[in-house]
Structures are given as structure tokens and as C-alpha cells.
């Protein structure tokens, strides 16, 4: 059970044939948001979880559902939005960027799916001093879907989206979207792999 970004970025398409050829083991990936992937592991419906929300991963292991968490790779989150940047969010500070999006009421697409990216997005709003659950308006839309769907929705509606860089790099339907905020240390995105107990 894995987060959607590992599949939608093309990582599994690249590494699984190599792994299967070398080991003879066929791998079936169920790509879900991190919260759902961990739930799949809790039910014993997966042998391994490959996710990116460290606090949730550590809780999973502490509860006895996982054997040990191993950091395996990282990328980073980016804020993408219309090239014209109507909110004036461009820069290297995610907190300032999100404050600008909210202040302008610029369209923002949230995954809203308990994924690692959604958890990171909620943490970023909190860092910006914004209680998004109480302060969201018509400008903020939760779609309850994966990264690809969020980027497609953002592209179709010229909205801002918090995305992982790996999926963004492999995403072809960018429309008028571009990277607006990047290179903030708070956007670091660590992935972990856990053998299910």
C-alpha cells in the first residue's frame, strides 16, 4: 500500500520491473493517500506500506502495526498556481504564499484525502496562522482525491495546489500552472517504508 505520488511520479513503473526481474516476486501496488495506505496496513491487507507522513508512520509502528520505519527517499513539496500569480504568492516562503492566497481568496485545490500531502498542507496552513477548517471559503475546494486529480482540477480551474515535485515533474496537463513557491525547508518531504507486522 503506497502513497499516490510514488505511482503517479512514475517511480514504480521504473523500479518494479527491475525488482521483479531480479527476484521473481510480483508486486501489486495499491496507491492510496497515506492515511488510507496505513489503514490498509492496519487491516493486514498489505505486506509493506510506502508513505510520507512521519508522525503517522511512527504512530503506526508504536501501535504495533509495523515492524520498523525506514527512511527511503525524499523530494519536496511545491506550491503551484497560475503563471500570472493573481495572489502574489511567488517566492521561497510557503507561509507568506499561503497567507497571500487566503488574503486574495484565490482558488485553492486541496486533496482533502488524509494523504501525506494533505497532512503537510494542513500543517502549512497552521504554520501560516490560518485555521483552514474554520476559515475556508468558496475559494478553498477539497476534492478527496489523489495528486494527479488535484493537479488536473487545479489546471482546469487555474487554482493553486500544494503538490509533490515528483508528481509535478511527470504531470503533463499543466495548462497555465507553474511553480509559485519552492525551496522553503518546511517543504521537505521524507518518504518511509514499513514492513507490516
Protein backbone atom coordinates (compact mmCIF):
# COMPACT_ATOMS: atom_id res chain seq x y z
CA UNK A 1 0.00 0.00 0.00
CA UNK A 2 1.65 3.19 -1.12
CA UNK A 3 1.02 6.89 -1.38
CA UNK A 4 -0.21 8.00 -4.80
CA UNK A 5 2.86 10.13 -5.58
CA UNK A 6 5.16 7.10 -5.79
CA UNK A 7 2.94 5.70 -8.53
CA UNK A 8 1.92 8.92 -10.29
CA UNK A 9 5.51 10.19 -10.45
CA UNK A 10 6.47 7.09 -12.46
CA UNK A 11 8.74 5.64 -9.75
CA UNK A 12 7.05 2.23 -9.56
CA UNK A 13 6.74 1.96 -13.32
CA UNK A 14 10.53 2.28 -13.42
CA UNK A 15 11.68 0.18 -10.44
CA UNK A 16 9.14 -2.65 -10.21
CA UNK A 17 10.04 -4.39 -13.49
CA UNK A 18 13.69 -4.36 -12.37
CA UNK A 19 12.78 -5.76 -8.96
CA UNK A 20 10.51 -8.44 -10.41
CA UNK A 21 13.14 -9.50 -12.95
CA UNK A 22 15.82 -9.75 -10.25
CA UNK A 23 13.73 -11.50 -7.57
CA UNK A 24 10.89 -13.23 -9.41
CA UNK A 25 8.49 -11.57 -6.94
CA UNK A 26 5.42 -9.92 -8.46
CA UNK A 27 4.49 -6.72 -6.66
CA UNK A 28 0.94 -5.39 -6.64
CA UNK A 29 0.70 -1.75 -5.60
CA UNK A 30 -2.43 -0.26 -4.10
CA UNK A 31 -1.88 3.50 -4.47
CA UNK A 32 -3.83 5.49 -1.90
CA UNK A 33 -3.36 8.52 0.27
CA UNK A 34 -1.00 7.88 3.19
CA UNK A 35 -3.84 7.70 5.75
CA UNK A 36 -5.67 5.11 3.65
CA UNK A 37 -2.46 3.16 2.98
CA UNK A 38 -1.76 2.95 6.72
CA UNK A 39 -5.37 1.80 7.30
CA UNK A 40 -4.81 -0.91 4.68
CA UNK A 41 -1.72 -1.99 6.60
CA UNK A 42 -3.63 -1.96 9.91
CA UNK A 43 -6.15 -4.37 8.43
CA UNK A 44 -3.32 -6.65 7.28
CA UNK A 45 -4.28 -6.14 3.61
CA UNK A 46 -0.72 -5.16 2.64
CA UNK A 47 2.73 -6.56 3.34
CA UNK A 48 4.51 -3.20 3.16
CA UNK A 49 3.47 0.44 3.37
CA UNK A 50 5.43 3.11 1.47
CA UNK A 51 4.19 6.52 2.64
CA UNK A 52 5.20 10.07 3.60
CA UNK A 53 3.80 11.37 6.88
CA UNK A 54 6.43 10.66 9.53
CA UNK A 55 4.26 11.31 12.60
CA UNK A 56 1.55 8.96 11.27
CA UNK A 57 4.18 6.36 10.34
CA UNK A 58 5.76 6.45 13.81
CA UNK A 59 2.31 6.06 15.40
CA UNK A 60 1.62 3.08 13.12
CA UNK A 61 4.82 1.38 14.33
CA UNK A 62 4.23 2.35 18.01
CA UNK A 63 0.76 0.76 17.83
CA UNK A 64 2.40 -2.50 16.73
CA UNK A 65 1.10 -2.47 13.15
CA UNK A 66 4.55 -2.05 11.62
CA UNK A 67 7.91 -3.63 12.39
CA UNK A 68 10.21 -0.63 11.81
CA UNK A 69 10.15 2.58 9.78
CA UNK A 70 12.99 3.08 7.32
CA UNK A 71 13.52 6.46 5.64
CA UNK A 72 13.93 5.57 1.98
CA UNK A 73 13.91 8.71 -0.15
CA UNK A 74 12.70 12.30 -0.25
CA UNK A 75 11.56 15.02 -2.54
CA UNK A 76 9.87 18.29 -1.71
CA UNK A 77 6.52 19.96 -1.86
CA UNK A 78 5.90 22.94 -4.10
CA UNK A 79 3.04 25.38 -4.40
CA UNK A 80 1.89 25.57 -8.00
CA UNK A 81 -0.56 28.08 -9.36
CA UNK A 82 -1.42 30.25 -12.36
CA UNK A 83 1.65 31.70 -14.08
CA UNK A 84 0.14 35.18 -13.60
CA UNK A 85 0.10 34.53 -9.81
CA UNK A 86 -3.04 36.57 -9.01
CA UNK A 87 -2.49 36.11 -5.26
CA UNK A 88 1.06 37.48 -5.39
CA UNK A 89 2.30 34.34 -3.64
CA UNK A 90 5.54 33.82 -5.58
CA UNK A 91 8.74 33.32 -3.63
CA UNK A 92 10.56 30.94 -1.31
CA UNK A 93 8.29 31.27 1.76
CA UNK A 94 5.33 28.87 1.91
CA UNK A 95 3.79 30.66 4.90
CA UNK A 96 3.78 34.02 3.07
CA UNK A 97 2.50 32.28 -0.07
CA UNK A 98 -0.46 30.68 1.68
CA UNK A 99 -1.29 33.90 3.52
CA UNK A 100 -1.38 35.69 0.14
CA UNK A 101 -3.66 33.01 -1.38
CA UNK A 102 -6.11 33.30 1.51
CA UNK A 103 -5.98 37.13 1.62
CA UNK A 104 -6.93 37.30 -2.08
CA UNK A 105 -9.43 34.44 -1.85
CA UNK A 106 -7.61 32.90 -4.81
CA UNK A 107 -8.84 29.44 -5.82
CA UNK A 108 -7.02 26.66 -3.95
CA UNK A 109 -7.45 22.92 -4.55
CA UNK A 110 -6.87 20.65 -1.56
CA UNK A 111 -6.58 16.89 -1.88
CA UNK A 112 -8.72 16.56 1.23
CA UNK A 113 -7.96 12.83 1.37
CA UNK A 114 -5.92 12.24 4.57
CA UNK A 115 -2.83 11.71 2.41
CA UNK A 116 0.69 12.72 3.37
CA UNK A 117 0.37 15.71 1.06
CA UNK A 118 -2.95 16.69 2.63
CA UNK A 119 -1.41 16.38 6.11
CA UNK A 120 1.50 18.56 5.00
CA UNK A 121 -0.89 21.12 3.51
CA UNK A 122 -2.85 21.32 6.79
CA UNK A 123 0.43 21.74 8.70
CA UNK A 124 1.45 24.58 6.33
CA UNK A 125 -1.85 26.42 6.87
CA UNK A 126 -1.34 26.05 10.64
CA UNK A 127 2.23 27.39 10.29
CA UNK A 128 0.70 30.38 8.49
CA UNK A 129 -1.57 31.01 11.48
CA UNK A 130 -4.65 30.03 9.49
CA UNK A 131 -7.26 27.63 10.90
CA UNK A 132 -8.29 26.36 7.48
CA UNK A 133 -11.20 24.28 8.85
CA UNK A 134 -12.77 27.46 10.27
CA UNK A 135 -11.55 29.99 7.67
CA UNK A 136 -12.02 28.22 4.35
CA UNK A 137 -14.48 29.79 1.99
CA UNK A 138 -15.70 29.20 -1.55
CA UNK A 139 -12.10 29.75 -2.73
CA UNK A 140 -10.93 26.54 -0.98
CA UNK A 141 -12.07 23.25 -2.52
CA UNK A 142 -11.37 19.78 -1.10
CA UNK A 143 -11.67 17.08 -3.75
CA UNK A 144 -10.94 13.90 -1.75
CA UNK A 145 -8.67 12.50 -4.48
CA UNK A 146 -5.01 11.88 -5.30
CA UNK A 147 -2.25 14.18 -6.50
CA UNK A 148 -2.92 13.71 -10.22
CA UNK A 149 -6.60 14.57 -9.80
CA UNK A 150 -5.73 17.61 -7.67
CA UNK A 151 -3.32 18.87 -10.34
CA UNK A 152 -5.88 18.24 -13.09
CA UNK A 153 -8.51 20.16 -11.12
CA UNK A 154 -6.02 22.96 -10.43
CA UNK A 155 -5.11 23.14 -14.10
CA UNK A 156 -8.77 23.22 -15.19
CA UNK A 157 -9.69 25.93 -12.69
CA UNK A 158 -6.45 27.98 -12.66
CA UNK A 159 -6.07 27.32 -8.95
CA UNK A 160 -3.20 26.96 -6.50
CA UNK A 161 -2.27 23.42 -5.39
CA UNK A 162 0.29 22.06 -2.93
CA UNK A 163 1.99 19.24 -4.87
CA UNK A 164 4.96 16.96 -4.53
CA UNK A 165 7.71 17.76 -7.02
CA UNK A 166 7.99 14.17 -8.33
CA UNK A 167 4.37 14.08 -9.48
CA UNK A 168 4.61 17.63 -10.85
CA UNK A 169 7.64 16.70 -12.97
CA UNK A 170 5.78 13.81 -14.60
CA UNK A 171 2.46 15.71 -14.90
CA UNK A 172 1.68 16.70 -18.49
CA UNK A 173 -1.63 18.56 -18.17
CA UNK A 174 -0.17 21.73 -16.63
CA UNK A 175 -2.25 24.22 -18.60
CA UNK A 176 -1.35 27.65 -17.22
CA UNK A 177 0.15 26.32 -13.97
CA UNK A 178 3.74 26.96 -12.88
CA UNK A 179 5.77 26.61 -9.69
CA UNK A 180 4.99 29.58 -7.44
CA UNK A 181 6.72 28.65 -4.14
CA UNK A 182 9.69 26.31 -3.73
CA UNK A 183 12.95 25.91 -1.80
CA UNK A 184 11.48 26.52 1.67
CA UNK A 185 12.94 24.00 4.16
CA UNK A 186 9.42 23.47 5.54
CA UNK A 187 8.53 21.83 2.20
CA UNK A 188 10.89 18.86 2.75
CA UNK A 189 9.01 15.60 2.00
CA UNK A 190 10.51 12.42 3.52
CA UNK A 191 9.20 9.00 2.47
CA UNK A 192 9.34 5.93 4.67
CA UNK A 193 8.86 2.22 4.10
CA UNK A 194 7.47 -0.07 6.80
CA UNK A 195 7.08 -3.84 6.88
CA UNK A 196 3.59 -4.60 8.17
CA UNK A 197 3.58 -6.65 11.38
